[in-house]
Amino acid sequence: MEEAKGVVKHILLAKFKDDITPEKIEELANGYANLVNLIEPMKAFHWGKDVSIENMHQGFTHVFKSTFESTEGVAEYIAHPAHVEFANLFLPTLDKVIVFDYKPTIVRF
């Protein structure tokens, strides 16, 4: 196994407050996705809703995954004014949140 050079995955698990509509969630997800166009070290973004049948989500309903070129890129993203502005809109809509950054490990057989 080998750790991917530089690349960092930034995972955000979210449970939105009960009064946040599906339309508002989609609007927020689109705003989150647009950060790729505004913050250079942010290379990719994906999101989705829990569809697991295992019922182990602990109340989290959505996942947002970003890819960065490095840990320094994540730090630049966190401090970037566009991220700060978006976070000030996004975070108040959440009931629960977990953020986890990792460097992917490549498994070769």
PDB file of N, CA and C in Angstrom:
ATOM      1  N   MET A   1       0.852  -1.185   0.000  1.00  0.00           N
ATOM      2  CA  MET A   1       0.000   0.000   0.000  1.00  0.00           C
ATOM      3  C   MET A   1       0.892   1.240   0.000  1.00  0.00           C
ATOM      4  N   GLU A   2       0.353   2.260  -0.638  1.00  0.00           N
ATOM      5  CA  GLU A   2       1.135   3.478  -0.720  1.00  0.00           C
ATOM      6  C   GLU A   2       0.191   4.673  -0.597  1.00  0.00           C
ATOM      7  N   GLU A   3       0.606   5.641   0.216  1.00  0.00           N
ATOM      8  CA  GLU A   3      -0.202   6.836   0.406  1.00  0.00           C
ATOM      9  C   GLU A   3      -0.112   7.703  -0.842  1.00  0.00           C
ATOM     10  N   ALA A   4      -1.254   8.196  -1.287  1.00  0.00           N
ATOM     11  CA  ALA A   4      -1.275   9.058  -2.464  1.00  0.00           C
ATOM     12  C   ALA A   4      -0.436  10.301  -2.196  1.00  0.00           C
ATOM     13  N   LYS A   5       0.373  10.673  -3.156  1.00  0.00           N
ATOM     14  CA  LYS A   5       1.248  11.826  -2.986  1.00  0.00           C
ATOM     15  C   LYS A   5       0.430  13.111  -3.052  1.00  0.00           C
ATOM     16  N   GLY A   6       0.447  13.863  -1.982  1.00  0.00           N
ATOM     17  CA  GLY A   6      -0.174  15.171  -1.965  1.00  0.00           C
ATOM     18  C   GLY A   6      -1.681  15.191  -1.817  1.00  0.00           C
ATOM     19  N   VAL A   7      -2.393  14.374  -2.566  1.00  0.00           N
ATOM     20  CA  VAL A   7      -3.851  14.448  -2.621  1.00  0.00           C
ATOM     21  C   VAL A   7      -4.479  14.273  -1.234  1.00  0.00           C
ATOM     22  N   VAL A   8      -5.471  15.125  -0.933  1.00  0.00           N
ATOM     23  CA  VAL A   8      -6.209  15.046   0.325  1.00  0.00           C
ATOM     24  C   VAL A   8      -7.699  15.047  -0.001  1.00  0.00           C
ATOM     25  N   LYS A   9      -8.424  14.133   0.604  1.00  0.00           N
ATOM     26  CA  LYS A   9      -9.884  14.086   0.499  1.00  0.00           C
ATOM     27  C   LYS A   9     -10.461  14.748   1.748  1.00  0.00           C
ATOM     28  N   HIS A  10     -11.430  15.605   1.552  1.00  0.00           N
ATOM     29  CA  HIS A  10     -12.089  16.365   2.623  1.00  0.00           C
ATOM     30  C   HIS A  10     -13.551  15.913   2.638  1.00  0.00           C
ATOM     31  N   ILE A  11     -13.937  15.209   3.688  1.00  0.00           N
ATOM     32  CA  ILE A  11     -15.284  14.644   3.798  1.00  0.00           C
ATOM     33  C   ILE A  11     -16.070  15.433   4.843  1.00  0.00           C
ATOM     34  N   LEU A  12     -17.280  15.824   4.494  1.00  0.00           N
ATOM     35  CA  LEU A  12     -18.182  16.465   5.444  1.00  0.00           C
ATOM     36  C   LEU A  12     -19.464  15.636   5.484  1.00  0.00           C
ATOM     37  N   LEU A  13     -19.788  15.096   6.647  1.00  0.00           N
ATOM     38  CA  LEU A  13     -21.056  14.392   6.865  1.00  0.00           C
ATOM     39  C   LEU A  13     -22.007  15.370   7.536  1.00  0.00           C
ATOM     40  N   ALA A  14     -23.243  15.422   7.059  1.00  0.00           N
ATOM     41  CA  ALA A  14     -24.181  16.419   7.551  1.00  0.00           C
ATOM     42  C   ALA A  14     -25.545  15.818   7.850  1.00  0.00           C
ATOM     43  N   LYS A  15     -26.162  16.365   8.878  1.00  0.00           N
ATOM     44  CA  LYS A  15     -27.592  16.163   9.133  1.00  0.00           C
ATOM     45  C   LYS A  15     -28.191  17.556   9.163  1.00  0.00           C
ATOM     46  N   PHE A  16     -29.040  17.844   8.195  1.00  0.00           N
ATOM     47  CA  PHE A  16     -29.669  19.156   8.143  1.00  0.00           C
ATOM     48  C   PHE A  16     -30.769  19.263   9.196  1.00  0.00           C
ATOM     49  N   LYS A  17     -31.012  20.472   9.648  1.00  0.00           N
ATOM     50  CA  LYS A  17     -32.111  20.722  10.580  1.00  0.00           C
ATOM     51  C   LYS A  17     -33.422  20.327   9.902  1.00  0.00           C
ATOM     52  N   ASP A  18     -34.386  19.918  10.702  1.00  0.00           N
ATOM     53  CA  ASP A  18     -35.655  19.399  10.173  1.00  0.00           C
ATOM     54  C   ASP A  18     -36.413  20.406   9.303  1.00  0.00           C
ATOM     55  N   ASP A  19     -36.226  21.695   9.538  1.00  0.00           N
ATOM     56  CA  ASP A  19     -36.985  22.691   8.778  1.00  0.00           C
ATOM     57  C   ASP A  19     -36.298  23.117   7.473  1.00  0.00           C
ATOM     58  N   ILE A  20     -35.161  22.499   7.147  1.00  0.00           N
ATOM     59  CA  ILE A  20     -34.471  22.825   5.896  1.00  0.00           C
ATOM     60  C   ILE A  20     -35.072  21.977   4.776  1.00  0.00           C
ATOM     61  N   THR A  21     -35.607  22.628   3.762  1.00  0.00           N
ATOM     62  CA  THR A  21     -36.314  21.934   2.681  1.00  0.00           C
ATOM     63  C   THR A  21     -35.328  21.255   1.720  1.00  0.00           C
ATOM     64  N   PRO A  22     -35.796  20.235   0.989  1.00  0.00           N
ATOM     65  CA  PRO A  22     -34.939  19.621  -0.033  1.00  0.00           C
ATOM     66  C   PRO A  22     -34.449  20.637  -1.073  1.00  0.00           C
ATOM     67  N   GLU A  23     -35.271  21.611  -1.398  1.00  0.00           N
ATOM     68  CA  GLU A  23     -34.875  22.646  -2.355  1.00  0.00           C
ATOM     69  C   GLU A  23     -33.726  23.483  -1.794  1.00  0.00           C
ATOM     70  N   LYS A  24     -33.794  23.813  -0.516  1.00  0.00           N
ATOM     71  CA  LYS A  24     -32.724  24.586   0.119  1.00  0.00           C
ATOM     72  C   LYS A  24     -31.438  23.763   0.177  1.00  0.00           C
ATOM     73  N   ILE A  25     -31.564  22.461   0.460  1.00  0.00           N
ATOM     74  CA  ILE A  25     -30.385  21.583   0.498  1.00  0.00           C
ATOM     75  C   ILE A  25     -29.722  21.553  -0.878  1.00  0.00           C
ATOM     76  N   GLU A  26     -30.517  21.438  -1.928  1.00  0.00           N
ATOM     77  CA  GLU A  26     -29.953  21.424  -3.279  1.00  0.00           C
ATOM     78  C   GLU A  26     -29.283  22.751  -3.605  1.00  0.00           C
ATOM     79  N   GLU A  27     -29.903  23.848  -3.197  1.00  0.00           N
ATOM     80  CA  GLU A  27     -29.313  25.175  -3.401  1.00  0.00           C
ATOM     81  C   GLU A  27     -27.958  25.273  -2.680  1.00  0.00           C
ATOM     82  N   LEU A  28     -27.906  24.780  -1.449  1.00  0.00           N
ATOM     83  CA  LEU A  28     -26.655  24.796  -0.695  1.00  0.00           C
ATOM     84  C   LEU A  28     -25.602  23.891  -1.334  1.00  0.00           C
ATOM     85  N   ALA A  29     -26.011  22.719  -1.788  1.00  0.00           N
ATOM     86  CA  ALA A  29     -25.072  21.804  -2.442  1.00  0.00           C
ATOM     87  C   ALA A  29     -24.502  22.435  -3.707  1.00  0.00           C
ATOM     88  N   ASN A  30     -25.327  23.135  -4.457  1.00  0.00           N
ATOM     89  CA  ASN A  30     -24.841  23.821  -5.658  1.00  0.00           C
ATOM     90  C   ASN A  30     -23.863  24.934  -5.298  1.00  0.00           C
ATOM     91  N   GLY A  31     -24.145  25.641  -4.204  1.00  0.00           N
ATOM     92  CA  GLY A  31     -23.209  26.669  -3.733  1.00  0.00           C
ATOM     93  C   GLY A  31     -21.887  26.072  -3.300  1.00  0.00           C
ATOM     94  N   TYR A  32     -21.965  24.934  -2.628  1.00  0.00           N
ATOM     95  CA  TYR A  32     -20.756  24.218  -2.203  1.00  0.00           C
ATOM     96  C   TYR A  32     -19.957  23.796  -3.437  1.00  0.00           C
ATOM     97  N   ALA A  33     -20.640  23.210  -4.411  1.00  0.00           N
ATOM     98  CA  ALA A  33     -19.975  22.757  -5.639  1.00  0.00           C
ATOM     99  C   ALA A  33     -19.302  23.915  -6.371  1.00  0.00           C
ATOM    100  N   ASN A  34     -19.895  25.085  -6.331  1.00  0.00           N
ATOM    101  CA  ASN A  34     -19.337  26.246  -7.032  1.00  0.00           C
ATOM    102  C   ASN A  34     -17.997  26.683  -6.456  1.00  0.00           C
ATOM    103  N   LEU A  35     -17.691  26.279  -5.222  1.00  0.00           N
ATOM    104  CA  LEU A  35     -16.401  26.649  -4.632  1.00  0.00           C
ATOM    105  C   LEU A  35     -15.234  26.117  -5.465  1.00  0.00           C
ATOM    106  N   VAL A  36     -15.457  25.025  -6.205  1.00  0.00           N
ATOM    107  CA  VAL A  36     -14.409  24.484  -7.092  1.00  0.00           C
ATOM    108  C   VAL A  36     -13.979  25.550  -8.112  1.00  0.00           C
ATOM    109  N   ASN A  37     -14.914  26.381  -8.536  1.00  0.00           N
ATOM    110  CA  ASN A  37     -14.613  27.428  -9.519  1.00  0.00           C
ATOM    111  C   ASN A  37     -13.949  28.648  -8.891  1.00  0.00           C
ATOM    112  N   LEU A  38     -13.978  28.743  -7.577  1.00  0.00           N
ATOM    113  CA  LEU A  38     -13.497  29.942  -6.891  1.00  0.00           C
ATOM    114  C   LEU A  38     -12.206  29.736  -6.106  1.00  0.00           C
ATOM    115  N   ILE A  39     -11.923  28.485  -5.730  1.00  0.00           N
ATOM    116  CA  ILE A  39     -10.785  28.200  -4.853  1.00  0.00           C
ATOM    117  C   ILE A  39      -9.856  27.232  -5.583  1.00  0.00           C
ATOM    118  N   GLU A  40      -8.708  27.721  -6.026  1.00  0.00           N
ATOM    119  CA  GLU A  40      -7.823  26.988  -6.937  1.00  0.00           C
ATOM    120  C   GLU A  40      -7.391  25.615  -6.428  1.00  0.00           C
ATOM    121  N   PRO A  41      -7.000  25.434  -5.154  1.00  0.00           N
ATOM    122  CA  PRO A  41      -6.543  24.100  -4.751  1.00  0.00           C
ATOM    123  C   PRO A  41      -7.663  23.058  -4.619  1.00  0.00           C
ATOM    124  N   MET A  42      -8.915  23.483  -4.684  1.00  0.00           N
ATOM    125  CA  MET A  42     -10.045  22.551  -4.632  1.00  0.00           C
ATOM    126  C   MET A  42     -10.246  21.992  -6.037  1.00  0.00           C
ATOM    127  N   LYS A  43      -9.944  20.700  -6.221  1.00  0.00           N
ATOM    128  CA  LYS A  43      -9.892  20.104  -7.556  1.00  0.00           C
ATOM    129  C   LYS A  43     -11.166  19.385  -7.981  1.00  0.00           C
ATOM    130  N   ALA A  44     -11.954  18.902  -7.017  1.00  0.00           N
ATOM    131  CA  ALA A  44     -13.173  18.156  -7.365  1.00  0.00           C
ATOM    132  C   ALA A  44     -14.138  18.212  -6.192  1.00  0.00           C
ATOM    133  N   PHE A  45     -15.415  17.982  -6.504  1.00  0.00           N
ATOM    134  CA  PHE A  45     -16.464  17.993  -5.477  1.00  0.00           C
ATOM    135  C   PHE A  45     -17.564  17.021  -5.884  1.00  0.00           C
ATOM    136  N   HIS A  46     -18.027  16.233  -4.929  1.00  0.00           N
ATOM    137  CA  HIS A  46     -19.171  15.328  -5.112  1.00  0.00           C
ATOM    138  C   HIS A  46     -20.026  15.390  -3.858  1.00  0.00           C
ATOM    139  N   TRP A  47     -21.304  15.133  -4.022  1.00  0.00           N
ATOM    140  CA  TRP A  47     -22.168  15.058  -2.848  1.00  0.00           C
ATOM    141  C   TRP A  47     -23.273  14.048  -3.111  1.00  0.00           C
ATOM    142  N   GLY A  48     -23.902  13.607  -2.025  1.00  0.00           N
ATOM    143  CA  GLY A  48     -25.011  12.681  -2.166  1.00  0.00           C
ATOM    144  C   GLY A  48     -25.734  12.501  -0.846  1.00  0.00           C
ATOM    145  N   LYS A  49     -26.856  11.796  -0.939  1.00  0.00           N
ATOM    146  CA  LYS A  49     -27.708  11.520   0.213  1.00  0.00           C
ATOM    147  C   LYS A  49     -27.551  10.050   0.594  1.00  0.00           C
ATOM    148  N   ASP A  50     -27.634   9.767   1.883  1.00  0.00           N
ATOM    149  CA  ASP A  50     -27.497   8.395   2.374  1.00  0.00           C
ATOM    150  C   ASP A  50     -28.548   7.489   1.750  1.00  0.00           C
ATOM    151  N   VAL A  51     -28.091   6.357   1.218  1.00  0.00           N
ATOM    152  CA  VAL A  51     -28.989   5.352   0.649  1.00  0.00           C
ATOM    153  C   VAL A  51     -28.715   3.972   1.257  1.00  0.00           C
ATOM    154  N   SER A  52     -27.936   3.936   2.312  1.00  0.00           N
ATOM    155  CA  SER A  52     -27.533   2.664   2.921  1.00  0.00           C
ATOM    156  C   SER A  52     -28.724   1.953   3.557  1.00  0.00           C
ATOM    157  N   ILE A  53     -28.725   0.622   3.438  1.00  0.00           N
ATOM    158  CA  ILE A  53     -29.750  -0.181   4.096  1.00  0.00           C
ATOM    159  C   ILE A  53     -29.275  -0.681   5.463  1.00  0.00           C
ATOM    160  N   GLU A  54     -28.017  -0.340   5.816  1.00  0.00           N
ATOM    161  CA  GLU A  54     -27.442  -0.831   7.071  1.00  0.00           C
ATOM    162  C   GLU A  54     -27.906  -0.055   8.304  1.00  0.00           C
ATOM    163  N   ASN A  55     -28.486   1.121   8.100  1.00  0.00           N
ATOM    164  CA  ASN A  55     -28.986   1.953   9.187  1.00  0.00           C
ATOM    165  C   ASN A  55     -27.903   2.256  10.234  1.00  0.00           C
ATOM    166  N   MET A  56     -26.704   2.565   9.761  1.00  0.00           N
ATOM    167  CA  MET A  56     -25.600   2.896  10.659  1.00  0.00           C
ATOM    168  C   MET A  56     -25.157   4.353  10.483  1.00  0.00           C
ATOM    169  N   HIS A  57     -26.003   5.188   9.919  1.00  0.00           N
ATOM    170  CA  HIS A  57     -25.665   6.569   9.583  1.00  0.00           C
ATOM    171  C   HIS A  57     -25.653   7.511  10.777  1.00  0.00           C
ATOM    172  N   GLN A  58     -26.136   7.063  11.920  1.00  0.00           N
ATOM    173  CA  GLN A  58     -26.171   7.855  13.158  1.00  0.00           C
ATOM    174  C   GLN A  58     -26.851   9.211  12.962  1.00  0.00           C
ATOM    175  N   GLY A  59     -27.829   9.241  12.064  1.00  0.00           N
ATOM    176  CA  GLY A  59     -28.593  10.458  11.829  1.00  0.00           C
ATOM    177  C   GLY A  59     -28.059  11.330  10.708  1.00  0.00           C
ATOM    178  N   PHE A  60     -26.850  11.062  10.236  1.00  0.00           N
ATOM    179  CA  PHE A  60     -26.298  11.853   9.141  1.00  0.00           C
ATOM    180  C   PHE A  60     -27.011  11.469   7.846  1.00  0.00           C
ATOM    181  N   THR A  61     -27.367  12.468   7.059  1.00  0.00           N
ATOM    182  CA  THR A  61     -28.178  12.237   5.875  1.00  0.00           C
ATOM    183  C   THR A  61     -27.453  12.533   4.561  1.00  0.00           C
ATOM    184  N   HIS A  62     -26.432  13.359   4.595  1.00  0.00           N
ATOM    185  CA  HIS A  62     -25.751  13.794   3.377  1.00  0.00           C
ATOM    186  C   HIS A  62     -24.240  13.736   3.551  1.00  0.00           C
ATOM    187  N   VAL A  63     -23.553  13.529   2.425  1.00  0.00           N
ATOM    188  CA  VAL A  63     -22.091  13.552   2.405  1.00  0.00           C
ATOM    189  C   VAL A  63     -21.638  14.518   1.312  1.00  0.00           C
ATOM    190  N   PHE A  64     -20.588  15.262   1.634  1.00  0.00           N
ATOM    191  CA  PHE A  64     -19.977  16.194   0.696  1.00  0.00           C
ATOM    192  C   PHE A  64     -18.480  15.883   0.674  1.00  0.00           C
ATOM    193  N   LYS A  65     -17.940  15.583  -0.517  1.00  0.00           N
ATOM    194  CA  LYS A  65     -16.535  15.183  -0.618  1.00  0.00           C
ATOM    195  C   LYS A  65     -15.809  16.101  -1.585  1.00  0.00           C
ATOM    196  N   SER A  66     -14.723  16.680  -1.108  1.00  0.00           N
ATOM    197  CA  SER A  66     -13.883  17.546  -1.928  1.00  0.00           C
ATOM    198  C   SER A  66     -12.500  16.923  -2.037  1.00  0.00           C
ATOM    199  N   THR A  67     -11.837  17.191  -3.150  1.00  0.00           N
ATOM    200  CA  THR A  67     -10.476  16.722  -3.366  1.00  0.00           C
ATOM    201  C   THR A  67      -9.555  17.932  -3.489  1.00  0.00           C
ATOM    202  N   PHE A  68      -8.427  17.864  -2.777  1.00  0.00           N
ATOM    203  CA  PHE A  68      -7.441  18.940  -2.777  1.00  0.00           C
ATOM    204  C   PHE A  68      -6.089  18.398  -3.182  1.00  0.00           C
ATOM    205  N   GLU A  69      -5.228  19.280  -3.625  1.00  0.00           N
ATOM    206  CA  GLU A  69      -3.902  18.889  -4.090  1.00  0.00           C
ATOM    207  C   GLU A  69      -2.943  18.596  -2.944  1.00  0.00           C
ATOM    208  N   SER A  70      -3.245  19.102  -1.730  1.00  0.00           N
ATOM    209  CA  SER A  70      -2.318  18.929  -0.605  1.00  0.00           C
ATOM    210  C   SER A  70      -2.999  19.384   0.687  1.00  0.00           C
ATOM    211  N   THR A  71      -2.363  19.093   1.818  1.00  0.00           N
ATOM    212  CA  THR A  71      -2.876  19.603   3.097  1.00  0.00           C
ATOM    213  C   THR A  71      -2.796  21.131   3.117  1.00  0.00           C
ATOM    214  N   GLU A  72      -1.783  21.690   2.458  1.00  0.00           N
ATOM    215  CA  GLU A  72      -1.691  23.146   2.358  1.00  0.00           C
ATOM    216  C   GLU A  72      -2.875  23.704   1.563  1.00  0.00           C
ATOM    217  N   GLY A  73      -3.304  22.954   0.544  1.00  0.00           N
ATOM    218  CA  GLY A  73      -4.471  23.363  -0.235  1.00  0.00           C
ATOM    219  C   GLY A  73      -5.739  23.387   0.596  1.00  0.00           C
ATOM    220  N   VAL A  74      -5.874  22.422   1.506  1.00  0.00           N
ATOM    221  CA  VAL A  74      -7.031  22.409   2.411  1.00  0.00           C
ATOM    222  C   VAL A  74      -6.987  23.654   3.305  1.00  0.00           C
ATOM    223  N   ALA A  75      -5.805  23.970   3.825  1.00  0.00           N
ATOM    224  CA  ALA A  75      -5.659  25.153   4.688  1.00  0.00           C
ATOM    225  C   ALA A  75      -6.007  26.432   3.921  1.00  0.00           C
ATOM    226  N   GLU A  76      -5.574  26.503   2.665  1.00  0.00           N
ATOM    227  CA  GLU A  76      -5.897  27.666   1.832  1.00  0.00           C
ATOM    228  C   GLU A  76      -7.410  27.765   1.612  1.00  0.00           C
ATOM    229  N   TYR A  77      -8.047  26.627   1.356  1.00  0.00           N
ATOM    230  CA  TYR A  77      -9.501  26.557   1.170  1.00  0.00           C
ATOM    231  C   TYR A  77     -10.234  27.038   2.426  1.00  0.00           C
ATOM    232  N   ILE A  78      -9.824  26.555   3.584  1.00  0.00           N
ATOM    233  CA  ILE A  78     -10.496  26.913   4.840  1.00  0.00           C
ATOM    234  C   ILE A  78     -10.444  28.415   5.093  1.00  0.00           C
ATOM    235  N   ALA A  79      -9.320  29.034   4.759  1.00  0.00           N
ATOM    236  CA  ALA A  79      -9.146  30.463   5.010  1.00  0.00           C
ATOM    237  C   ALA A  79      -9.693  31.349   3.887  1.00  0.00           C
ATOM    238  N   HIS A  80      -9.996  30.760   2.740  1.00  0.00           N
ATOM    239  CA  HIS A  80     -10.420  31.536   1.571  1.00  0.00           C
ATOM    240  C   HIS A  80     -11.732  32.273   1.863  1.00  0.00           C
ATOM    241  N   PRO A  81     -11.828  33.563   1.497  1.00  0.00           N
ATOM    242  CA  PRO A  81     -13.054  34.334   1.766  1.00  0.00           C
ATOM    243  C   PRO A  81     -14.330  33.697   1.187  1.00  0.00           C
ATOM    244  N   ALA A  82     -14.238  33.057   0.021  1.00  0.00           N
ATOM    245  CA  ALA A  82     -15.430  32.414  -0.564  1.00  0.00           C
ATOM    246  C   ALA A  82     -15.895  31.250   0.304  1.00  0.00           C
ATOM    247  N   HIS A  83     -14.952  30.485   0.878  1.00  0.00           N
ATOM    248  CA  HIS A  83     -15.311  29.384   1.768  1.00  0.00           C
ATOM    249  C   HIS A  83     -15.901  29.921   3.065  1.00  0.00           C
ATOM    250  N   VAL A  84     -15.278  30.933   3.625  1.00  0.00           N
ATOM    251  CA  VAL A  84     -15.767  31.519   4.883  1.00  0.00           C
ATOM    252  C   VAL A  84     -17.192  32.032   4.696  1.00  0.00           C
ATOM    253  N   GLU A  85     -17.440  32.723   3.592  1.00  0.00           N
ATOM    254  CA  GLU A  85     -18.785  33.244   3.303  1.00  0.00           C
ATOM    255  C   GLU A  85     -19.792  32.101   3.157  1.00  0.00           C
ATOM    256  N   PHE A  86     -19.410  31.064   2.405  1.00  0.00           N
ATOM    257  CA  PHE A  86     -20.310  29.930   2.221  1.00  0.00           C
ATOM    258  C   PHE A  86     -20.561  29.202   3.542  1.00  0.00           C
ATOM    259  N   ALA A  87     -19.515  28.957   4.320  1.00  0.00           N
ATOM    260  CA  ALA A  87     -19.652  28.256   5.602  1.00  0.00           C
ATOM    261  C   ALA A  87     -20.608  28.999   6.530  1.00  0.00           C
ATOM    262  N   ASN A  88     -20.593  30.333   6.478  1.00  0.00           N
ATOM    263  CA  ASN A  88     -21.501  31.127   7.318  1.00  0.00           C
ATOM    264  C   ASN A  88     -22.959  30.962   6.914  1.00  0.00           C
ATOM    265  N   LEU A  89     -23.215  30.544   5.671  1.00  0.00           N
ATOM    266  CA  LEU A  89     -24.574  30.239   5.210  1.00  0.00           C
ATOM    267  C   LEU A  89     -24.930  28.777   5.474  1.00  0.00           C
ATOM    268  N   PHE A  90     -23.963  27.899   5.256  1.00  0.00           N
ATOM    269  CA  PHE A  90     -24.179  26.451   5.289  1.00  0.00           C
ATOM    270  C   PHE A  90     -24.282  25.904   6.719  1.00  0.00           C
ATOM    271  N   LEU A  91     -23.316  26.211   7.554  1.00  0.00           N
ATOM    272  CA  LEU A  91     -23.247  25.594   8.884  1.00  0.00           C
ATOM    273  C   LEU A  91     -24.476  25.849   9.760  1.00  0.00           C
ATOM    274  N   PRO A  92     -25.099  27.031   9.715  1.00  0.00           N
ATOM    275  CA  PRO A  92     -26.297  27.235  10.538  1.00  0.00           C
ATOM    276  C   PRO A  92     -27.493  26.362  10.140  1.00  0.00           C
ATOM    277  N   THR A  93     -27.457  25.741   8.954  1.00  0.00           N
ATOM    278  CA  THR A  93     -28.559  24.882   8.516  1.00  0.00           C
ATOM    279  C   THR A  93     -28.403  23.445   9.024  1.00  0.00           C
ATOM    280  N   LEU A  94     -27.273  23.164   9.673  1.00  0.00           N
ATOM    281  CA  LEU A  94     -26.973  21.800  10.091  1.00  0.00           C
ATOM    282  C   LEU A  94     -27.317  21.551  11.551  1.00  0.00           C
ATOM    283  N   ASP A  95     -27.825  20.352  11.789  1.00  0.00           N
ATOM    284  CA  ASP A  95     -28.083  19.883  13.143  1.00  0.00           C
ATOM    285  C   ASP A  95     -26.845  19.174  13.698  1.00  0.00           C
ATOM    286  N   LYS A  96     -26.160  18.418  12.801  1.00  0.00           N
ATOM    287  CA  LYS A  96     -24.937  17.691  13.164  1.00  0.00           C
ATOM    288  C   LYS A  96     -23.973  17.745  11.988  1.00  0.00           C
ATOM    289  N   VAL A  97     -22.679  17.741  12.302  1.00  0.00           N
ATOM    290  CA  VAL A  97     -21.669  17.750  11.241  1.00  0.00           C
ATOM    291  C   VAL A  97     -20.404  17.058  11.733  1.00  0.00           C
ATOM    292  N   ILE A  98     -19.762  16.332  10.819  1.00  0.00           N
ATOM    293  CA  ILE A  98     -18.433  15.763  11.041  1.00  0.00           C
ATOM    294  C   ILE A  98     -17.600  16.127   9.820  1.00  0.00           C
ATOM    295  N   VAL A  99     -16.378  16.595  10.058  1.00  0.00           N
ATOM    296  CA  VAL A  99     -15.446  16.859   8.971  1.00  0.00           C
ATOM    297  C   VAL A  99     -14.228  15.984   9.187  1.00  0.00           C
ATOM    298  N   PHE A 100     -13.785  15.331   8.101  1.00  0.00           N
ATOM    299  CA  PHE A 100     -12.674  14.377   8.188  1.00  0.00           C
ATOM    300  C   PHE A 100     -11.821  14.548   6.939  1.00  0.00           C
ATOM    301  N   ASP A 101     -10.533  14.786   7.127  1.00  0.00           N
ATOM    302  CA  ASP A 101      -9.592  14.888   6.010  1.00  0.00           C
ATOM    303  C   ASP A 101      -8.667  13.683   6.039  1.00  0.00           C
ATOM    304  N   TYR A 102      -8.353  13.140   4.858  1.00  0.00           N
ATOM    305  CA  TYR A 102      -7.434  12.008   4.806  1.00  0.00           C
ATOM    306  C   TYR A 102      -6.686  11.985   3.481  1.00  0.00           C
ATOM    307  N   LYS A 103      -5.534  11.336   3.517  1.00  0.00           N
ATOM    308  CA  LYS A 103      -4.777  11.058   2.292  1.00  0.00           C
ATOM    309  C   LYS A 103      -5.115   9.633   1.884  1.00  0.00           C
ATOM    310  N   PRO A 104      -5.669   9.452   0.694  1.00  0.00           N
ATOM    311  CA  PRO A 104      -6.056   8.102   0.266  1.00  0.00           C
ATOM    312  C   PRO A 104      -4.852   7.166   0.163  1.00  0.00           C
ATOM    313  N   THR A 105      -5.082   5.941   0.504  1.00  0.00           N
ATOM    314  CA  THR A 105      -4.071   4.898   0.370  1.00  0.00           C
ATOM    315  C   THR A 105      -4.392   4.070  -0.856  1.00  0.00           C
ATOM    316  N   ILE A 106      -3.416   3.884  -1.703  1.00  0.00           N
ATOM    317  CA  ILE A 106      -3.585   3.088  -2.915  1.00  0.00           C
ATOM    318  C   ILE A 106      -3.204   1.656  -2.590  1.00  0.00           C
ATOM    319  N   VAL A 107      -4.112   0.745  -2.856  1.00  0.00           N
ATOM    320  CA  VAL A 107      -3.866  -0.685  -2.606  1.00  0.00           C
ATOM    321  C   VAL A 107      -3.594  -1.355  -3.944  1.00  0.00           C
ATOM    322  N   ARG A 108      -2.480  -2.033  -4.009  1.00  0.00           N
ATOM    323  CA  ARG A 108      -2.128  -2.747  -5.244  1.00  0.00           C
ATOM    324  C   ARG A 108      -1.996  -4.224  -4.949  1.00  0.00           C
ATOM    325  N   PHE A 109      -2.607  -5.039  -5.774  1.00  0.00           N
ATOM    326  CA  PHE A 109      -2.524  -6.490  -5.609  1.00  0.00           C
ATOM    327  C   PHE A 109      -1.703  -7.100  -6.711  1.00  0.00           C
TER     328      PHE A 109
END
